[in-house]
Amino acid sequence: MKFREQIKASPYGSLVWRIFIGVIGGLVTIIGTIFLFAPGPGLLVLLAGLGILATEFAWASSAIRRTKSIAETTSQRFGIPLWVKYLLVAGGAVLSIVLLVIFYAL
C-alpha cells in the first residue's frame, strides 16, 4: 500500500493529508512569490508550489493552466524560439537542483 493511501485510509487521514499538502504547497508558493522580487528562480519555485497544491486542489490546477497559457502567449508575442524556451526551463531546473543540494548540504 502506498504512503498516501495509508494516510487517507484512516478516519481523519484525508483531512490531515490535505492540510499537510496545503501548508507545504502554500509555503513553497509564498517563497516563489518572494523570489519573484528577490534574486532566485521565482517563477519556477512558484509553479512548483502550485504543482504541489494541484495534487489535492482543483483551483491550483486551474491556476497552472492559466499561467501556462499566459506564458505561451507572452513567448509568442516576443517570438522566443523553442530551443531558447527549453534552455531556460532546463537552466532553471538545474539551478533549482543545485540550490537544493547546497541548502541540504549546509
N, C-alpha and C. Protein backbone atom coordinates (compact mmCIF):
# COMPACT_ATOMS: atom_id res chain seq x y z
N MET A 1 0.84 -1.18 0.00
CA MET A 1 0.00 0.00 0.00
C MET A 1 0.89 1.25 0.00
N LYS A 2 0.52 2.24 -0.76
CA LYS A 2 1.30 3.46 -0.83
C LYS A 2 1.09 4.30 0.41
N PHE A 3 2.06 5.19 0.66
CA PHE A 3 2.03 6.04 1.85
C PHE A 3 0.77 6.90 1.88
N ARG A 4 0.45 7.53 0.75
CA ARG A 4 -0.72 8.40 0.69
C ARG A 4 -2.00 7.62 0.95
N GLU A 5 -2.10 6.42 0.39
CA GLU A 5 -3.29 5.59 0.60
C GLU A 5 -3.41 5.15 2.05
N GLN A 6 -2.28 4.90 2.70
CA GLN A 6 -2.32 4.52 4.11
C GLN A 6 -2.85 5.66 4.97
N ILE A 7 -2.40 6.86 4.67
CA ILE A 7 -2.85 8.01 5.46
C ILE A 7 -4.34 8.26 5.22
N LYS A 8 -4.76 8.21 3.96
CA LYS A 8 -6.16 8.50 3.63
C LYS A 8 -7.11 7.40 4.11
N ALA A 9 -6.58 6.23 4.46
CA ALA A 9 -7.43 5.14 4.92
C ALA A 9 -7.95 5.38 6.34
N SER A 10 -7.25 6.20 7.11
CA SER A 10 -7.70 6.46 8.47
C SER A 10 -8.85 7.47 8.44
N PRO A 11 -9.65 7.55 9.52
CA PRO A 11 -10.83 8.41 9.52
C PRO A 11 -10.54 9.88 9.21
N TYR A 12 -9.50 10.44 9.80
CA TYR A 12 -9.18 11.85 9.58
C TYR A 12 -7.97 12.02 8.67
N GLY A 13 -7.50 10.94 8.10
CA GLY A 13 -6.29 10.98 7.28
C GLY A 13 -6.41 11.87 6.06
N SER A 14 -7.55 11.84 5.41
CA SER A 14 -7.73 12.65 4.21
C SER A 14 -7.64 14.14 4.54
N LEU A 15 -8.27 14.53 5.63
CA LEU A 15 -8.21 15.93 6.06
C LEU A 15 -6.79 16.32 6.45
N VAL A 16 -6.13 15.46 7.20
CA VAL A 16 -4.75 15.75 7.61
C VAL A 16 -3.84 15.85 6.39
N TRP A 17 -4.03 14.96 5.41
CA TRP A 17 -3.21 14.98 4.20
C TRP A 17 -3.43 16.28 3.42
N ARG A 18 -4.69 16.70 3.28
CA ARG A 18 -4.98 17.93 2.54
C ARG A 18 -4.40 19.15 3.26
N ILE A 19 -4.45 19.17 4.57
CA ILE A 19 -3.86 20.26 5.33
C ILE A 19 -2.35 20.26 5.15
N PHE A 20 -1.72 19.09 5.21
CA PHE A 20 -0.28 18.96 5.02
C PHE A 20 0.13 19.47 3.64
N ILE A 21 -0.57 19.02 2.60
CA ILE A 21 -0.26 19.45 1.23
C ILE A 21 -0.50 20.96 1.09
N GLY A 22 -1.56 21.46 1.70
CA GLY A 22 -1.86 22.89 1.65
C GLY A 22 -0.77 23.73 2.30
N VAL A 23 -0.27 23.29 3.43
CA VAL A 23 0.77 24.04 4.14
C VAL A 23 2.08 24.00 3.35
N ILE A 24 2.50 22.82 2.92
CA ILE A 24 3.76 22.69 2.18
C ILE A 24 3.67 23.44 0.84
N GLY A 25 2.62 23.21 0.09
CA GLY A 25 2.45 23.89 -1.18
C GLY A 25 2.32 25.39 -1.02
N GLY A 26 1.61 25.82 0.01
CA GLY A 26 1.47 27.24 0.29
C GLY A 26 2.80 27.90 0.63
N LEU A 27 3.61 27.23 1.44
CA LEU A 27 4.93 27.77 1.78
C LEU A 27 5.83 27.88 0.55
N VAL A 28 5.83 26.85 -0.29
CA VAL A 28 6.65 26.90 -1.50
C VAL A 28 6.16 28.00 -2.43
N THR A 29 4.85 28.16 -2.53
CA THR A 29 4.29 29.23 -3.37
C THR A 29 4.65 30.60 -2.83
N ILE A 30 4.60 30.79 -1.53
CA ILE A 30 4.98 32.07 -0.93
C ILE A 30 6.46 32.35 -1.15
N ILE A 31 7.29 31.33 -1.00
CA ILE A 31 8.73 31.51 -1.25
C ILE A 31 8.97 31.87 -2.71
N GLY A 32 8.24 31.24 -3.62
CA GLY A 32 8.35 31.57 -5.03
C GLY A 32 7.93 33.00 -5.32
N THR A 33 6.89 33.46 -4.63
CA THR A 33 6.45 34.84 -4.79
C THR A 33 7.51 35.82 -4.30
N ILE A 34 8.15 35.48 -3.20
CA ILE A 34 9.24 36.33 -2.69
C ILE A 34 10.40 36.33 -3.68
N PHE A 35 10.70 35.16 -4.25
CA PHE A 35 11.80 35.07 -5.23
C PHE A 35 11.50 35.85 -6.51
N LEU A 36 10.25 36.16 -6.78
CA LEU A 36 9.94 36.97 -7.95
C LEU A 36 10.56 38.37 -7.81
N PHE A 37 10.65 38.86 -6.59
CA PHE A 37 11.18 40.19 -6.33
C PHE A 37 12.60 40.17 -5.81
N ALA A 38 13.09 39.02 -5.40
CA ALA A 38 14.45 38.86 -4.90
C ALA A 38 15.21 37.97 -5.89
N PRO A 39 16.53 37.93 -5.76
CA PRO A 39 17.28 37.05 -6.66
C PRO A 39 16.92 35.58 -6.42
N GLY A 40 16.63 34.89 -7.46
CA GLY A 40 16.28 33.48 -7.35
C GLY A 40 15.33 33.08 -8.46
N PRO A 41 15.12 31.80 -8.61
CA PRO A 41 14.23 31.30 -9.68
C PRO A 41 12.76 31.40 -9.27
N GLY A 42 12.25 32.61 -9.21
CA GLY A 42 10.92 32.87 -8.66
C GLY A 42 9.79 32.15 -9.35
N LEU A 43 9.72 32.26 -10.67
CA LEU A 43 8.60 31.65 -11.40
C LEU A 43 8.66 30.13 -11.29
N LEU A 44 9.85 29.58 -11.34
CA LEU A 44 9.98 28.13 -11.24
C LEU A 44 9.52 27.62 -9.87
N VAL A 45 9.93 28.30 -8.81
CA VAL A 45 9.52 27.90 -7.46
C VAL A 45 8.02 28.12 -7.26
N LEU A 46 7.51 29.22 -7.80
CA LEU A 46 6.08 29.50 -7.71
C LEU A 46 5.26 28.40 -8.38
N LEU A 47 5.68 28.00 -9.57
CA LEU A 47 4.97 26.93 -10.27
C LEU A 47 5.13 25.58 -9.56
N ALA A 48 6.28 25.37 -8.92
CA ALA A 48 6.46 24.14 -8.15
C ALA A 48 5.48 24.10 -6.98
N GLY A 49 5.30 25.23 -6.32
CA GLY A 49 4.33 25.29 -5.22
C GLY A 49 2.92 25.05 -5.70
N LEU A 50 2.57 25.63 -6.84
CA LEU A 50 1.24 25.38 -7.40
C LEU A 50 1.10 23.92 -7.83
N GLY A 51 2.19 23.33 -8.31
CA GLY A 51 2.15 21.91 -8.67
C GLY A 51 1.89 21.02 -7.46
N ILE A 52 2.50 21.36 -6.34
CA ILE A 52 2.25 20.61 -5.11
C ILE A 52 0.79 20.77 -4.71
N LEU A 53 0.29 21.99 -4.75
CA LEU A 53 -1.11 22.22 -4.38
C LEU A 53 -2.07 21.54 -5.35
N ALA A 54 -1.69 21.45 -6.63
CA ALA A 54 -2.58 20.86 -7.64
C ALA A 54 -2.79 19.37 -7.44
N THR A 55 -1.94 18.72 -6.63
CA THR A 55 -2.15 17.29 -6.38
C THR A 55 -3.41 17.04 -5.55
N GLU A 56 -3.86 18.08 -4.83
CA GLU A 56 -5.05 17.91 -3.98
C GLU A 56 -6.15 18.94 -4.23
N PHE A 57 -5.83 20.06 -4.87
CA PHE A 57 -6.80 21.14 -5.02
C PHE A 57 -6.99 21.48 -6.49
N ALA A 58 -8.24 21.48 -6.95
CA ALA A 58 -8.55 21.74 -8.36
C ALA A 58 -8.25 23.18 -8.75
N TRP A 59 -8.41 24.14 -7.85
CA TRP A 59 -8.15 25.54 -8.19
C TRP A 59 -6.69 25.76 -8.55
N ALA A 60 -5.78 25.01 -7.92
CA ALA A 60 -4.36 25.16 -8.23
C ALA A 60 -4.05 24.62 -9.62
N SER A 61 -4.71 23.55 -10.00
CA SER A 61 -4.54 23.02 -11.35
C SER A 61 -5.02 24.03 -12.38
N SER A 62 -6.11 24.69 -12.10
CA SER A 62 -6.63 25.72 -12.99
C SER A 62 -5.65 26.90 -13.09
N ALA A 63 -5.04 27.26 -11.97
CA ALA A 63 -4.08 28.36 -11.96
C ALA A 63 -2.84 28.01 -12.79
N ILE A 64 -2.42 26.75 -12.74
CA ILE A 64 -1.27 26.32 -13.54
C ILE A 64 -1.61 26.41 -15.02
N ARG A 65 -2.81 25.98 -15.39
CA ARG A 65 -3.20 26.07 -16.80
C ARG A 65 -3.25 27.50 -17.29
N ARG A 66 -3.80 28.41 -16.47
CA ARG A 66 -3.84 29.82 -16.85
C ARG A 66 -2.44 30.40 -16.97
N THR A 67 -1.57 30.07 -16.03
CA THR A 67 -0.20 30.56 -16.07
C THR A 67 0.53 30.06 -17.31
N LYS A 68 0.31 28.80 -17.65
CA LYS A 68 0.93 28.23 -18.83
C LYS A 68 0.44 28.94 -20.10
N SER A 69 -0.84 29.23 -20.17
CA SER A 69 -1.36 29.91 -21.36
C SER A 69 -0.83 31.34 -21.45
N ILE A 70 -0.70 32.03 -20.32
CA ILE A 70 -0.13 33.37 -20.32
C ILE A 70 1.32 33.33 -20.77
N ALA A 71 2.08 32.34 -20.28
CA ALA A 71 3.49 32.21 -20.67
C ALA A 71 3.62 31.92 -22.16
N GLU A 72 2.74 31.07 -22.69
CA GLU A 72 2.79 30.76 -24.12
C GLU A 72 2.45 31.99 -24.96
N THR A 73 1.44 32.74 -24.55
CA THR A 73 1.07 33.96 -25.27
C THR A 73 2.21 34.97 -25.25
N THR A 74 2.83 35.14 -24.10
CA THR A 74 3.93 36.09 -23.98
C THR A 74 5.11 35.67 -24.82
N SER A 75 5.45 34.39 -24.79
CA SER A 75 6.59 33.95 -25.59
C SER A 75 6.31 34.07 -27.08
N GLN A 76 5.07 33.86 -27.49
CA GLN A 76 4.72 34.05 -28.91
C GLN A 76 4.79 35.53 -29.28
N ARG A 77 4.40 36.40 -28.38
CA ARG A 77 4.44 37.84 -28.64
C ARG A 77 5.87 38.31 -28.84
N PHE A 78 6.81 37.78 -28.02
CA PHE A 78 8.20 38.18 -28.13
C PHE A 78 8.97 37.37 -29.17
N GLY A 79 8.36 36.31 -29.68
CA GLY A 79 9.00 35.49 -30.71
C GLY A 79 10.18 34.69 -30.20
N ILE A 80 10.10 34.17 -29.01
CA ILE A 80 11.20 33.39 -28.45
C ILE A 80 11.22 32.02 -29.12
N PRO A 81 12.36 31.61 -29.68
CA PRO A 81 12.44 30.29 -30.32
C PRO A 81 12.25 29.16 -29.29
N LEU A 82 11.80 28.03 -29.77
CA LEU A 82 11.51 26.89 -28.90
C LEU A 82 12.75 26.42 -28.15
N TRP A 83 13.91 26.41 -28.82
CA TRP A 83 15.12 25.92 -28.16
C TRP A 83 15.52 26.83 -27.01
N VAL A 84 15.23 28.13 -27.10
CA VAL A 84 15.54 29.05 -26.01
C VAL A 84 14.62 28.77 -24.82
N LYS A 85 13.36 28.47 -25.09
CA LYS A 85 12.43 28.13 -24.01
C LYS A 85 12.92 26.89 -23.26
N TYR A 86 13.30 25.86 -24.03
CA TYR A 86 13.81 24.63 -23.40
C TYR A 86 15.08 24.89 -22.61
N LEU A 87 15.95 25.74 -23.14
CA LEU A 87 17.19 26.06 -22.46
C LEU A 87 16.91 26.79 -21.15
N LEU A 88 15.96 27.73 -21.16
CA LEU A 88 15.61 28.46 -19.95
C LEU A 88 15.00 27.55 -18.89
N VAL A 89 14.12 26.66 -19.32
CA VAL A 89 13.50 25.73 -18.37
C VAL A 89 14.54 24.77 -17.79
N ALA A 90 15.39 24.23 -18.66
CA ALA A 90 16.43 23.31 -18.19
C ALA A 90 17.41 24.02 -17.26
N GLY A 91 17.79 25.24 -17.61
CA GLY A 91 18.69 26.00 -16.74
C GLY A 91 18.07 26.30 -15.39
N GLY A 92 16.79 26.67 -15.40
CA GLY A 92 16.10 26.92 -14.13
C GLY A 92 15.99 25.66 -13.28
N ALA A 93 15.74 24.53 -13.93
CA ALA A 93 15.65 23.27 -13.19
C ALA A 93 17.00 22.89 -12.59
N VAL A 94 18.06 23.01 -13.38
CA VAL A 94 19.40 22.69 -12.88
C VAL A 94 19.78 23.62 -11.74
N LEU A 95 19.50 24.92 -11.90
CA LEU A 95 19.79 25.87 -10.85
C LEU A 95 19.03 25.54 -9.56
N SER A 96 17.77 25.16 -9.69
CA SER A 96 16.98 24.78 -8.52
C SER A 96 17.54 23.56 -7.83
N ILE A 97 17.96 22.57 -8.61
CA ILE A 97 18.54 21.36 -8.02
C ILE A 97 19.84 21.69 -7.30
N VAL A 98 20.67 22.52 -7.92
CA VAL A 98 21.94 22.90 -7.29
C VAL A 98 21.67 23.65 -5.99
N LEU A 99 20.71 24.56 -6.01
CA LEU A 99 20.38 25.30 -4.79
C LEU A 99 19.84 24.38 -3.70
N LEU A 100 19.04 23.38 -4.07
CA LEU A 100 18.54 22.44 -3.08
C LEU A 100 19.67 21.60 -2.49
N VAL A 101 20.60 21.18 -3.33
CA VAL A 101 21.75 20.39 -2.84
C VAL A 101 22.59 21.24 -1.88
N ILE A 102 22.83 22.49 -2.24
CA ILE A 102 23.60 23.38 -1.38
C ILE A 102 22.85 23.61 -0.06
N PHE A 103 21.54 23.82 -0.16
CA PHE A 103 20.73 24.06 1.04
C PHE A 103 20.78 22.86 2.00
N TYR A 104 20.64 21.65 1.46
CA TYR A 104 20.64 20.47 2.31
C TYR A 104 22.04 20.06 2.75
N ALA A 105 23.07 20.53 2.06
CA ALA A 105 24.44 20.20 2.46
C ALA A 105 24.88 21.05 3.66
N LEU A 106 24.26 22.20 3.81
CA LEU A 106 24.65 23.09 4.93
C LEU A 106 24.03 22.64 6.17
